[in-house]
Amino acid sequence: MNPKQMKAAMRRMGITQEEVADVEEVVIRTKKKEIVFKDAAVTSVTMQGQITYQIIGTPEERERGNGEPAAAKNGVLEEDVELVMSQTGCSEQDARKALKECNGAPAEAILKIMTG
């Protein structure tokens, strides 16, 4: 079956395909690793209301350690510590403590410090 006939048959079955434009990279993240496609070609396939993505490219696997983002230290993101410090004027230690008590939620940590 030539490609033109294949597309017509897919259309009759209600299957559509579309290339996803301008893809820079695709990351599949698990607790232990990341699978990264830097040269990915991505196609979305819709069939019976379900959308499936097909990735074509060369995967690169990277370890994630304990499952936390690389910028996390003791379960707290460094950027959140800096945000809490800049908004409240507190010490790094106080910012970390508040973030841990608020399960890493910066807005709650800021309120906690400002009202505490």
PDB file of N, CA and C in Angstrom:
ATOM      1  N   MET A   1       0.851  -1.174   0.000  1.00  0.00           N
ATOM      2  CA  MET A   1       0.000   0.000   0.000  1.00  0.00           C
ATOM      3  C   MET A   1       0.897   1.237   0.000  1.00  0.00           C
ATOM      4  N   ASN A   2       0.646   2.141  -0.917  1.00  0.00           N
ATOM      5  CA  ASN A   2       1.480   3.341  -0.968  1.00  0.00           C
ATOM      6  C   ASN A   2       1.036   4.346   0.106  1.00  0.00           C
ATOM      7  N   PRO A   3       1.869   5.331   0.417  1.00  0.00           N
ATOM      8  CA  PRO A   3       1.552   6.274   1.488  1.00  0.00           C
ATOM      9  C   PRO A   3       0.234   7.020   1.305  1.00  0.00           C
ATOM     10  N   LYS A   4      -0.106   7.347   0.071  1.00  0.00           N
ATOM     11  CA  LYS A   4      -1.360   8.062  -0.197  1.00  0.00           C
ATOM     12  C   LYS A   4      -2.565   7.176   0.152  1.00  0.00           C
ATOM     13  N   GLN A   5      -2.498   5.898  -0.225  1.00  0.00           N
ATOM     14  CA  GLN A   5      -3.575   4.962   0.102  1.00  0.00           C
ATOM     15  C   GLN A   5      -3.659   4.745   1.613  1.00  0.00           C
ATOM     16  N   MET A   6      -2.491   4.705   2.282  1.00  0.00           N
ATOM     17  CA  MET A   6      -2.441   4.512   3.732  1.00  0.00           C
ATOM     18  C   MET A   6      -3.130   5.682   4.438  1.00  0.00           C
ATOM     19  N   LYS A   7      -2.846   6.915   4.004  1.00  0.00           N
ATOM     20  CA  LYS A   7      -3.474   8.085   4.617  1.00  0.00           C
ATOM     21  C   LYS A   7      -4.986   8.062   4.408  1.00  0.00           C
ATOM     22  N   ALA A   8      -5.426   7.678   3.220  1.00  0.00           N
ATOM     23  CA  ALA A   8      -6.857   7.613   2.933  1.00  0.00           C
ATOM     24  C   ALA A   8      -7.530   6.560   3.815  1.00  0.00           C
ATOM     25  N   ALA A   9      -6.905   5.416   3.981  1.00  0.00           N
ATOM     26  CA  ALA A   9      -7.458   4.355   4.824  1.00  0.00           C
ATOM     27  C   ALA A   9      -7.536   4.815   6.285  1.00  0.00           C
ATOM     28  N   MET A  10      -6.499   5.503   6.746  1.00  0.00           N
ATOM     29  CA  MET A  10      -6.496   6.012   8.116  1.00  0.00           C
ATOM     30  C   MET A  10      -7.613   7.037   8.315  1.00  0.00           C
ATOM     31  N   ARG A  11      -7.796   7.903   7.341  1.00  0.00           N
ATOM     32  CA  ARG A  11      -8.841   8.921   7.411  1.00  0.00           C
ATOM     33  C   ARG A  11     -10.217   8.262   7.498  1.00  0.00           C
ATOM     34  N   ARG A  12     -10.444   7.189   6.700  1.00  0.00           N
ATOM     35  CA  ARG A  12     -11.726   6.479   6.732  1.00  0.00           C
ATOM     36  C   ARG A  12     -11.978   5.843   8.102  1.00  0.00           C
ATOM     37  N   MET A  13     -10.915   5.421   8.789  1.00  0.00           N
ATOM     38  CA  MET A  13     -11.046   4.809  10.114  1.00  0.00           C
ATOM     39  C   MET A  13     -11.098   5.860  11.229  1.00  0.00           C
ATOM     40  N   GLY A  14     -11.015   7.137  10.866  1.00  0.00           N
ATOM     41  CA  GLY A  14     -11.081   8.205  11.866  1.00  0.00           C
ATOM     42  C   GLY A  14      -9.762   8.463  12.572  1.00  0.00           C
ATOM     43  N   ILE A  15      -8.675   8.101  11.938  1.00  0.00           N
ATOM     44  CA  ILE A  15      -7.353   8.301  12.527  1.00  0.00           C
ATOM     45  C   ILE A  15      -6.699   9.498  11.836  1.00  0.00           C
ATOM     46  N   THR A  16      -6.270  10.474  12.650  1.00  0.00           N
ATOM     47  CA  THR A  16      -5.570  11.623  12.087  1.00  0.00           C
ATOM     48  C   THR A  16      -4.180  11.727  12.705  1.00  0.00           C
ATOM     49  N   GLN A  17      -3.253  12.267  11.932  1.00  0.00           N
ATOM     50  CA  GLN A  17      -1.869  12.426  12.343  1.00  0.00           C
ATOM     51  C   GLN A  17      -1.455  13.855  12.104  1.00  0.00           C
ATOM     52  N   GLU A  18      -0.681  14.406  13.039  1.00  0.00           N
ATOM     53  CA  GLU A  18      -0.206  15.768  12.856  1.00  0.00           C
ATOM     54  C   GLU A  18       1.183  15.897  13.464  1.00  0.00           C
ATOM     55  N   GLU A  19       2.079  16.493  12.711  1.00  0.00           N
ATOM     56  CA  GLU A  19       3.439  16.736  13.187  1.00  0.00           C
ATOM     57  C   GLU A  19       3.392  17.870  14.213  1.00  0.00           C
ATOM     58  N   VAL A  20       4.060  17.697  15.356  1.00  0.00           N
ATOM     59  CA  VAL A  20       4.143  18.749  16.366  1.00  0.00           C
ATOM     60  C   VAL A  20       5.328  19.633  15.980  1.00  0.00           C
ATOM     61  N   ALA A  21       5.051  20.915  15.737  1.00  0.00           N
ATOM     62  CA  ALA A  21       6.075  21.836  15.227  1.00  0.00           C
ATOM     63  C   ALA A  21       6.974  22.372  16.339  1.00  0.00           C
ATOM     64  N   ASP A  22       8.191  22.730  15.964  1.00  0.00           N
ATOM     65  CA  ASP A  22       9.144  23.436  16.823  1.00  0.00           C
ATOM     66  C   ASP A  22       9.498  22.709  18.120  1.00  0.00           C
ATOM     67  N   VAL A  23       9.591  21.394  18.102  1.00  0.00           N
ATOM     68  CA  VAL A  23       9.963  20.640  19.301  1.00  0.00           C
ATOM     69  C   VAL A  23      11.455  20.830  19.545  1.00  0.00           C
ATOM     70  N   GLU A  24      11.805  21.283  20.756  1.00  0.00           N
ATOM     71  CA  GLU A  24      13.212  21.466  21.109  1.00  0.00           C
ATOM     72  C   GLU A  24      13.767  20.221  21.783  1.00  0.00           C
ATOM     73  N   GLU A  25      13.000  19.658  22.730  1.00  0.00           N
ATOM     74  CA  GLU A  25      13.404  18.414  23.367  1.00  0.00           C
ATOM     75  C   GLU A  25      12.196  17.798  24.047  1.00  0.00           C
ATOM     76  N   VAL A  26      12.269  16.493  24.265  1.00  0.00           N
ATOM     77  CA  VAL A  26      11.222  15.761  24.963  1.00  0.00           C
ATOM     78  C   VAL A  26      11.873  15.079  26.155  1.00  0.00           C
ATOM     79  N   VAL A  27      11.258  15.214  27.343  1.00  0.00           N
ATOM     80  CA  VAL A  27      11.809  14.608  28.549  1.00  0.00           C
ATOM     81  C   VAL A  27      10.747  13.696  29.155  1.00  0.00           C
ATOM     82  N   ILE A  28      11.126  12.454  29.389  1.00  0.00           N
ATOM     83  CA  ILE A  28      10.277  11.511  30.112  1.00  0.00           C
ATOM     84  C   ILE A  28      10.948  11.341  31.463  1.00  0.00           C
ATOM     85  N   ARG A  29      10.249  11.743  32.530  1.00  0.00           N
ATOM     86  CA  ARG A  29      10.852  11.765  33.858  1.00  0.00           C
ATOM     87  C   ARG A  29      10.222  10.696  34.736  1.00  0.00           C
ATOM     88  N   THR A  30      11.062   9.824  35.287  1.00  0.00           N
ATOM     89  CA  THR A  30      10.607   8.852  36.273  1.00  0.00           C
ATOM     90  C   THR A  30      11.268   9.225  37.598  1.00  0.00           C
ATOM     91  N   LYS A  31      10.976   8.487  38.653  1.00  0.00           N
ATOM     92  CA  LYS A  31      11.581   8.807  39.946  1.00  0.00           C
ATOM     93  C   LYS A  31      13.093   8.639  39.938  1.00  0.00           C
ATOM     94  N   LYS A  32      13.588   7.710  39.149  1.00  0.00           N
ATOM     95  CA  LYS A  32      15.015   7.399  39.174  1.00  0.00           C
ATOM     96  C   LYS A  32      15.817   7.962  38.011  1.00  0.00           C
ATOM     97  N   LYS A  33      15.140   8.232  36.871  1.00  0.00           N
ATOM     98  CA  LYS A  33      15.904   8.678  35.698  1.00  0.00           C
ATOM     99  C   LYS A  33      15.073   9.589  34.804  1.00  0.00           C
ATOM    100  N   GLU A  34      15.764  10.218  33.874  1.00  0.00           N
ATOM    101  CA  GLU A  34      15.135  11.007  32.824  1.00  0.00           C
ATOM    102  C   GLU A  34      15.580  10.430  31.494  1.00  0.00           C
ATOM    103  N   ILE A  35      14.648  10.348  30.567  1.00  0.00           N
ATOM    104  CA  ILE A  35      14.964   9.943  29.206  1.00  0.00           C
ATOM    105  C   ILE A  35      14.751  11.193  28.357  1.00  0.00           C
ATOM    106  N   VAL A  36      15.825  11.686  27.752  1.00  0.00           N
ATOM    107  CA  VAL A  36      15.785  12.959  27.043  1.00  0.00           C
ATOM    108  C   VAL A  36      16.023  12.730  25.554  1.00  0.00           C
ATOM    109  N   PHE A  37      15.148  13.305  24.731  1.00  0.00           N
ATOM    110  CA  PHE A  37      15.289  13.275  23.281  1.00  0.00           C
ATOM    111  C   PHE A  37      15.556  14.710  22.849  1.00  0.00           C
ATOM    112  N   LYS A  38      16.791  15.031  22.467  1.00  0.00           N
ATOM    113  CA  LYS A  38      17.121  16.391  22.042  1.00  0.00           C
ATOM    114  C   LYS A  38      16.807  16.605  20.565  1.00  0.00           C
ATOM    115  N   ASP A  39      16.861  15.560  19.783  1.00  0.00           N
ATOM    116  CA  ASP A  39      16.632  15.660  18.337  1.00  0.00           C
ATOM    117  C   ASP A  39      15.297  15.028  17.953  1.00  0.00           C
ATOM    118  N   ALA A  40      14.279  15.254  18.775  1.00  0.00           N
ATOM    119  CA  ALA A  40      13.017  14.538  18.609  1.00  0.00           C
ATOM    120  C   ALA A  40      12.144  15.089  17.492  1.00  0.00           C
ATOM    121  N   ALA A  41      11.499  14.146  16.792  1.00  0.00           N
ATOM    122  CA  ALA A  41      10.418  14.461  15.870  1.00  0.00           C
ATOM    123  C   ALA A  41       9.175  13.869  16.539  1.00  0.00           C
ATOM    124  N   VAL A  42       8.170  14.703  16.782  1.00  0.00           N
ATOM    125  CA  VAL A  42       6.986  14.261  17.515  1.00  0.00           C
ATOM    126  C   VAL A  42       5.753  14.366  16.622  1.00  0.00           C
ATOM    127  N   THR A  43       4.957  13.295  16.628  1.00  0.00           N
ATOM    128  CA  THR A  43       3.723  13.252  15.866  1.00  0.00           C
ATOM    129  C   THR A  43       2.593  12.931  16.835  1.00  0.00           C
ATOM    130  N   SER A  44       1.485  13.670  16.726  1.00  0.00           N
ATOM    131  CA  SER A  44       0.316  13.325  17.533  1.00  0.00           C
ATOM    132  C   SER A  44      -0.640  12.536  16.645  1.00  0.00           C
ATOM    133  N   VAL A  45      -1.152  11.449  17.190  1.00  0.00           N
ATOM    134  CA  VAL A  45      -2.077  10.581  16.465  1.00  0.00           C
ATOM    135  C   VAL A  45      -3.381  10.548  17.259  1.00  0.00           C
ATOM    136  N   THR A  46      -4.486  10.930  16.607  1.00  0.00           N
ATOM    137  CA  THR A  46      -5.791  10.919  17.255  1.00  0.00           C
ATOM    138  C   THR A  46      -6.608   9.775  16.671  1.00  0.00           C
ATOM    139  N   MET A  47      -7.098   8.906  17.576  1.00  0.00           N
ATOM    140  CA  MET A  47      -7.888   7.758  17.147  1.00  0.00           C
ATOM    141  C   MET A  47      -8.981   7.534  18.184  1.00  0.00           C
ATOM    142  N   GLN A  48     -10.214   7.603  17.761  1.00  0.00           N
ATOM    143  CA  GLN A  48     -11.381   7.410  18.619  1.00  0.00           C
ATOM    144  C   GLN A  48     -11.334   8.328  19.837  1.00  0.00           C
ATOM    145  N   GLY A  49     -10.951   9.586  19.631  1.00  0.00           N
ATOM    146  CA  GLY A  49     -10.929  10.561  20.713  1.00  0.00           C
ATOM    147  C   GLY A  49      -9.705  10.520  21.605  1.00  0.00           C
ATOM    148  N   GLN A  50      -8.848   9.532  21.424  1.00  0.00           N
ATOM    149  CA  GLN A  50      -7.627   9.405  22.222  1.00  0.00           C
ATOM    150  C   GLN A  50      -6.454   9.978  21.446  1.00  0.00           C
ATOM    151  N   ILE A  51      -5.618  10.774  22.128  1.00  0.00           N
ATOM    152  CA  ILE A  51      -4.435  11.328  21.482  1.00  0.00           C
ATOM    153  C   ILE A  51      -3.209  10.592  21.999  1.00  0.00           C
ATOM    154  N   THR A  52      -2.405  10.107  21.064  1.00  0.00           N
ATOM    155  CA  THR A  52      -1.161   9.424  21.381  1.00  0.00           C
ATOM    156  C   THR A  52      -0.028  10.195  20.730  1.00  0.00           C
ATOM    157  N   TYR A  53       1.093  10.307  21.441  1.00  0.00           N
ATOM    158  CA  TYR A  53       2.249  11.003  20.883  1.00  0.00           C
ATOM    159  C   TYR A  53       3.322   9.989  20.533  1.00  0.00           C
ATOM    160  N   GLN A  54       3.854  10.114  19.334  1.00  0.00           N
ATOM    161  CA  GLN A  54       4.920   9.235  18.854  1.00  0.00           C
ATOM    162  C   GLN A  54       6.194  10.069  18.802  1.00  0.00           C
ATOM    163  N   ILE A  55       7.246   9.572  19.452  1.00  0.00           N
ATOM    164  CA  ILE A  55       8.524  10.278  19.513  1.00  0.00           C
ATOM    165  C   ILE A  55       9.547   9.484  18.719  1.00  0.00           C
ATOM    166  N   ILE A  56      10.209  10.170  17.794  1.00  0.00           N
ATOM    167  CA  ILE A  56      11.268   9.536  17.024  1.00  0.00           C
ATOM    168  C   ILE A  56      12.538  10.330  17.285  1.00  0.00           C
ATOM    169  N   GLY A  57      13.592   9.661  17.713  1.00  0.00           N
ATOM    170  CA  GLY A  57      14.848  10.344  17.992  1.00  0.00           C
ATOM    171  C   GLY A  57      15.779   9.439  18.774  1.00  0.00           C
ATOM    172  N   THR A  58      16.893   9.988  19.182  1.00  0.00           N
ATOM    173  CA  THR A  58      17.892   9.233  19.927  1.00  0.00           C
ATOM    174  C   THR A  58      17.768   9.580  21.414  1.00  0.00           C
ATOM    175  N   PRO A  59      17.409   8.603  22.250  1.00  0.00           N
ATOM    176  CA  PRO A  59      17.251   8.895  23.675  1.00  0.00           C
ATOM    177  C   PRO A  59      18.581   8.936  24.408  1.00  0.00           C
ATOM    178  N   GLU A  60      18.621   9.768  25.430  1.00  0.00           N
ATOM    179  CA  GLU A  60      19.772   9.837  26.328  1.00  0.00           C
ATOM    180  C   GLU A  60      19.215   9.677  27.735  1.00  0.00           C
ATOM    181  N   GLU A  61      19.748   8.738  28.504  1.00  0.00           N
ATOM    182  CA  GLU A  61      19.256   8.520  29.865  1.00  0.00           C
ATOM    183  C   GLU A  61      20.152   9.230  30.860  1.00  0.00           C
ATOM    184  N   ARG A  62      19.499   9.860  31.854  1.00  0.00           N
ATOM    185  CA  ARG A  62      20.224  10.533  32.924  1.00  0.00           C
ATOM    186  C   ARG A  62      19.648  10.076  34.256  1.00  0.00           C
ATOM    187  N   GLU A  63      20.518   9.872  35.227  1.00  0.00           N
ATOM    188  CA  GLU A  63      20.076   9.501  36.570  1.00  0.00           C
ATOM    189  C   GLU A  63      19.501  10.715  37.274  1.00  0.00           C
ATOM    190  N   ARG A  64      18.512  10.487  38.142  1.00  0.00           N
ATOM    191  CA  ARG A  64      17.911  11.580  38.907  1.00  0.00           C
ATOM    192  C   ARG A  64      18.239  11.488  40.373  1.00  0.00           C
ATOM    193  N   GLY A  65      18.949  10.485  40.808  1.00  0.00           N
ATOM    194  CA  GLY A  65      19.277  10.366  42.229  1.00  0.00           C
ATOM    195  C   GLY A  65      18.073   9.945  43.031  1.00  0.00           C
ATOM    196  N   ASN A  66      17.681  10.769  44.003  1.00  0.00           N
ATOM    197  CA  ASN A  66      16.595  10.401  44.913  1.00  0.00           C
ATOM    198  C   ASN A  66      15.209  10.801  44.421  1.00  0.00           C
ATOM    199  N   GLY A  67      15.111  11.229  43.175  1.00  0.00           N
ATOM    200  CA  GLY A  67      13.812  11.579  42.628  1.00  0.00           C
ATOM    201  C   GLY A  67      13.461  13.046  42.767  1.00  0.00           C
ATOM    202  N   GLU A  68      14.291  13.810  43.488  1.00  0.00           N
ATOM    203  CA  GLU A  68      14.052  15.241  43.628  1.00  0.00           C
ATOM    204  C   GLU A  68      14.692  15.962  42.459  1.00  0.00           C
ATOM    205  N   PRO A  69      14.159  17.116  42.084  1.00  0.00           N
ATOM    206  CA  PRO A  69      14.829  17.908  41.048  1.00  0.00           C
ATOM    207  C   PRO A  69      16.251  18.220  41.480  1.00  0.00           C
ATOM    208  N   ALA A  70      17.126  18.396  40.512  1.00  0.00           N
ATOM    209  CA  ALA A  70      18.536  18.616  40.806  1.00  0.00           C
ATOM    210  C   ALA A  70      18.755  19.819  41.707  1.00  0.00           C
ATOM    211  N   ALA A  71      17.911  20.835  41.628  1.00  0.00           N
ATOM    212  CA  ALA A  71      18.090  22.047  42.421  1.00  0.00           C
ATOM    213  C   ALA A  71      17.569  21.894  43.846  1.00  0.00           C
ATOM    214  N   ALA A  72      17.032  20.725  44.193  1.00  0.00           N
ATOM    215  CA  ALA A  72      16.484  20.527  45.527  1.00  0.00           C
ATOM    216  C   ALA A  72      17.560  20.074  46.489  1.00  0.00           C
ATOM    217  N   LYS A  73      17.512  20.615  47.694  1.00  0.00           N
ATOM    218  CA  LYS A  73      18.449  20.220  48.741  1.00  0.00           C
ATOM    219  C   LYS A  73      17.607  19.951  49.977  1.00  0.00           C
ATOM    220  N   ASN A  74      17.654  18.724  50.458  1.00  0.00           N
ATOM    221  CA  ASN A  74      16.843  18.319  51.602  1.00  0.00           C
ATOM    222  C   ASN A  74      15.352  18.547  51.354  1.00  0.00           C
ATOM    223  N   GLY A  75      14.907  18.315  50.121  1.00  0.00           N
ATOM    224  CA  GLY A  75      13.491  18.423  49.801  1.00  0.00           C
ATOM    225  C   GLY A  75      13.001  19.835  49.543  1.00  0.00           C
ATOM    226  N   VAL A  76      13.907  20.817  49.545  1.00  0.00           N
ATOM    227  CA  VAL A  76      13.522  22.215  49.345  1.00  0.00           C
ATOM    228  C   VAL A  76      14.268  22.761  48.140  1.00  0.00           C
ATOM    229  N   LEU A  77      13.549  23.399  47.224  1.00  0.00           N
ATOM    230  CA  LEU A  77      14.182  23.977  46.037  1.00  0.00           C
ATOM    231  C   LEU A  77      14.953  25.240  46.400  1.00  0.00           C
ATOM    232  N   GLU A  78      16.160  25.360  45.888  1.00  0.00           N
ATOM    233  CA  GLU A  78      17.002  26.520  46.173  1.00  0.00           C
ATOM    234  C   GLU A  78      16.335  27.820  45.727  1.00  0.00           C
ATOM    235  N   GLU A  79      15.664  27.784  44.577  1.00  0.00           N
ATOM    236  CA  GLU A  79      15.004  29.005  44.086  1.00  0.00           C
ATOM    237  C   GLU A  79      13.883  29.436  45.030  1.00  0.00           C
ATOM    238  N   ASP A  80      13.229  28.467  45.698  1.00  0.00           N
ATOM    239  CA  ASP A  80      12.179  28.814  46.662  1.00  0.00           C
ATOM    240  C   ASP A  80      12.781  29.437  47.915  1.00  0.00           C
ATOM    241  N   VAL A  81      13.947  28.922  48.350  1.00  0.00           N
ATOM    242  CA  VAL A  81      14.637  29.499  49.507  1.00  0.00           C
ATOM    243  C   VAL A  81      14.975  30.959  49.212  1.00  0.00           C
ATOM    244  N   GLU A  82      15.525  31.201  48.022  1.00  0.00           N
ATOM    245  CA  GLU A  82      15.894  32.566  47.638  1.00  0.00           C
ATOM    246  C   GLU A  82      14.667  33.470  47.567  1.00  0.00           C
ATOM    247  N   LEU A  83      13.563  32.957  47.054  1.00  0.00           N
ATOM    248  CA  LEU A  83      12.335  33.738  46.957  1.00  0.00           C
ATOM    249  C   LEU A  83      11.828  34.122  48.344  1.00  0.00           C
ATOM    250  N   VAL A  84      11.774  33.157  49.248  1.00  0.00           N
ATOM    251  CA  VAL A  84      11.295  33.427  50.606  1.00  0.00           C
ATOM    252  C   VAL A  84      12.200  34.450  51.290  1.00  0.00           C
ATOM    253  N   MET A  85      13.514  34.286  51.128  1.00  0.00           N
ATOM    254  CA  MET A  85      14.457  35.236  51.733  1.00  0.00           C
ATOM    255  C   MET A  85      14.259  36.639  51.176  1.00  0.00           C
ATOM    256  N   SER A  86      14.096  36.753  49.853  1.00  0.00           N
ATOM    257  CA  SER A  86      13.970  38.081  49.234  1.00  0.00           C
ATOM    258  C   SER A  86      12.661  38.764  49.611  1.00  0.00           C
ATOM    259  N   GLN A  87      11.611  37.998  49.831  1.00  0.00           N
ATOM    260  CA  GLN A  87      10.303  38.579  50.148  1.00  0.00           C
ATOM    261  C   GLN A  87      10.141  38.912  51.628  1.00  0.00           C
ATOM    262  N   THR A  88      10.906  38.222  52.487  1.00  0.00           N
ATOM    263  CA  THR A  88      10.718  38.411  53.929  1.00  0.00           C
ATOM    264  C   THR A  88      11.921  39.023  54.625  1.00  0.00           C
ATOM    265  N   GLY A  89      13.091  38.950  53.989  1.00  0.00           N
ATOM    266  CA  GLY A  89      14.306  39.457  54.628  1.00  0.00           C
ATOM    267  C   GLY A  89      14.840  38.524  55.699  1.00  0.00           C
ATOM    268  N   CYS A  90      14.344  37.285  55.729  1.00  0.00           N
ATOM    269  CA  CYS A  90      14.785  36.333  56.754  1.00  0.00           C
ATOM    270  C   CYS A  90      16.097  35.665  56.349  1.00  0.00           C
ATOM    271  N   SER A  91      16.641  34.897  57.281  1.00  0.00           N
ATOM    272  CA  SER A  91      17.878  34.159  57.018  1.00  0.00           C
ATOM    273  C   SER A  91      17.575  32.926  56.166  1.00  0.00           C
ATOM    274  N   GLU A  92      18.628  32.356  55.596  1.00  0.00           N
ATOM    275  CA  GLU A  92      18.465  31.135  54.803  1.00  0.00           C
ATOM    276  C   GLU A  92      17.914  30.012  55.667  1.00  0.00           C
ATOM    277  N   GLN A  93      18.418  29.916  56.888  1.00  0.00           N
ATOM    278  CA  GLN A  93      17.976  28.860  57.806  1.00  0.00           C
ATOM    279  C   GLN A  93      16.478  28.987  58.105  1.00  0.00           C
ATOM    280  N   ASP A  94      16.007  30.209  58.346  1.00  0.00           N
ATOM    281  CA  ASP A  94      14.585  30.413  58.626  1.00  0.00           C
ATOM    282  C   ASP A  94      13.731  30.110  57.388  1.00  0.00           C
ATOM    283  N   ALA A  95      14.234  30.484  56.221  1.00  0.00           N
ATOM    284  CA  ALA A  95      13.503  30.216  54.981  1.00  0.00           C
ATOM    285  C   ALA A  95      13.367  28.717  54.761  1.00  0.00           C
ATOM    286  N   ARG A  96      14.453  27.970  54.947  1.00  0.00           N
ATOM    287  CA  ARG A  96      14.413  26.507  54.791  1.00  0.00           C
ATOM    288  C   ARG A  96      13.436  25.871  55.782  1.00  0.00           C
ATOM    289  N   LYS A  97      13.495  26.325  57.023  1.00  0.00           N
ATOM    290  CA  LYS A  97      12.624  25.772  58.060  1.00  0.00           C
ATOM    291  C   LYS A  97      11.156  26.005  57.696  1.00  0.00           C
ATOM    292  N   ALA A  98      10.834  27.230  57.291  1.00  0.00           N
ATOM    293  CA  ALA A  98       9.445  27.549  56.928  1.00  0.00           C
ATOM    294  C   ALA A  98       8.997  26.735  55.716  1.00  0.00           C
ATOM    295  N   LEU A  99       9.864  26.590  54.721  1.00  0.00           N
ATOM    296  CA  LEU A  99       9.506  25.806  53.532  1.00  0.00           C
ATOM    297  C   LEU A  99       9.262  24.346  53.890  1.00  0.00           C
ATOM    298  N   LYS A 100      10.091  23.787  54.764  1.00  0.00           N
ATOM    299  CA  LYS A 100       9.884  22.393  55.180  1.00  0.00           C
ATOM    300  C   LYS A 100       8.557  22.248  55.912  1.00  0.00           C
ATOM    301  N   GLU A 101       8.247  23.212  56.796  1.00  0.00           N
ATOM    302  CA  GLU A 101       6.996  23.153  57.549  1.00  0.00           C
ATOM    303  C   GLU A 101       5.775  23.337  56.662  1.00  0.00           C
ATOM    304  N   CYS A 102       5.966  24.010  55.517  1.00  0.00           N
ATOM    305  CA  CYS A 102       4.855  24.267  54.581  1.00  0.00           C
ATOM    306  C   CYS A 102       4.918  23.348  53.363  1.00  0.00           C
ATOM    307  N   ASN A 103       5.615  22.222  53.478  1.00  0.00           N
ATOM    308  CA  ASN A 103       5.733  21.231  52.394  1.00  0.00           C
ATOM    309  C   ASN A 103       6.244  21.833  51.091  1.00  0.00           C
ATOM    310  N   GLY A 104       7.175  22.777  51.191  1.00  0.00           N
ATOM    311  CA  GLY A 104       7.814  23.341  50.003  1.00  0.00           C
ATOM    312  C   GLY A 104       7.019  24.410  49.281  1.00  0.00           C
ATOM    313  N   ALA A 105       5.910  24.879  49.883  1.00  0.00           N
ATOM    314  CA  ALA A 105       5.071  25.903  49.232  1.00  0.00           C
ATOM    315  C   ALA A 105       5.600  27.291  49.605  1.00  0.00           C
ATOM    316  N   PRO A 106       6.222  27.998  48.663  1.00  0.00           N
ATOM    317  CA  PRO A 106       6.845  29.286  48.976  1.00  0.00           C
ATOM    318  C   PRO A 106       5.855  30.346  49.496  1.00  0.00           C
ATOM    319  N   ALA A 107       4.676  30.433  48.895  1.00  0.00           N
ATOM    320  CA  ALA A 107       3.702  31.442  49.331  1.00  0.00           C
ATOM    321  C   ALA A 107       3.306  31.211  50.789  1.00  0.00           C
ATOM    322  N   GLU A 108       3.068  29.968  51.153  1.00  0.00           N
ATOM    323  CA  GLU A 108       2.703  29.658  52.545  1.00  0.00           C
ATOM    324  C   GLU A 108       3.855  29.953  53.485  1.00  0.00           C
ATOM    325  N   ALA A 109       5.076  29.638  53.045  1.00  0.00           N
ATOM    326  CA  ALA A 109       6.256  29.899  53.881  1.00  0.00           C
ATOM    327  C   ALA A 109       6.430  31.397  54.118  1.00  0.00           C
ATOM    328  N   ILE A 110       6.205  32.196  53.076  1.00  0.00           N
ATOM    329  CA  ILE A 110       6.322  33.654  53.210  1.00  0.00           C
ATOM    330  C   ILE A 110       5.286  34.169  54.215  1.00  0.00           C
ATOM    331  N   LEU A 111       4.052  33.712  54.076  1.00  0.00           N
ATOM    332  CA  LEU A 111       2.997  34.123  55.019  1.00  0.00           C
ATOM    333  C   LEU A 111       3.325  33.696  56.438  1.00  0.00           C
ATOM    334  N   LYS A 112       3.837  32.488  56.578  1.00  0.00           N
ATOM    335  CA  LYS A 112       4.186  31.963  57.892  1.00  0.00           C
ATOM    336  C   LYS A 112       5.240  32.849  58.574  1.00  0.00           C
ATOM    337  N   ILE A 113       6.256  33.226  57.828  1.00  0.00           N
ATOM    338  CA  ILE A 113       7.320  34.058  58.391  1.00  0.00           C
ATOM    339  C   ILE A 113       6.791  35.458  58.702  1.00  0.00           C
ATOM    340  N   MET A 114       6.002  36.025  57.808  1.00  0.00           N
ATOM    341  CA  MET A 114       5.522  37.389  57.981  1.00  0.00           C
ATOM    342  C   MET A 114       4.476  37.508  59.106  1.00  0.00           C
ATOM    343  N   THR A 115       3.733  36.441  59.352  1.00  0.00           N
ATOM    344  CA  THR A 115       2.701  36.497  60.392  1.00  0.00           C
ATOM    345  C   THR A 115       3.150  35.814  61.688  1.00  0.00           C
ATOM    346  N   GLY A 116       4.293  35.155  61.632  1.00  0.00           N
ATOM    347  CA  GLY A 116       4.771  34.392  62.792  1.00  0.00           C
ATOM    348  C   GLY A 116       5.577  35.204  63.690  1.00  0.00           C
TER     349      GLY A 116
END
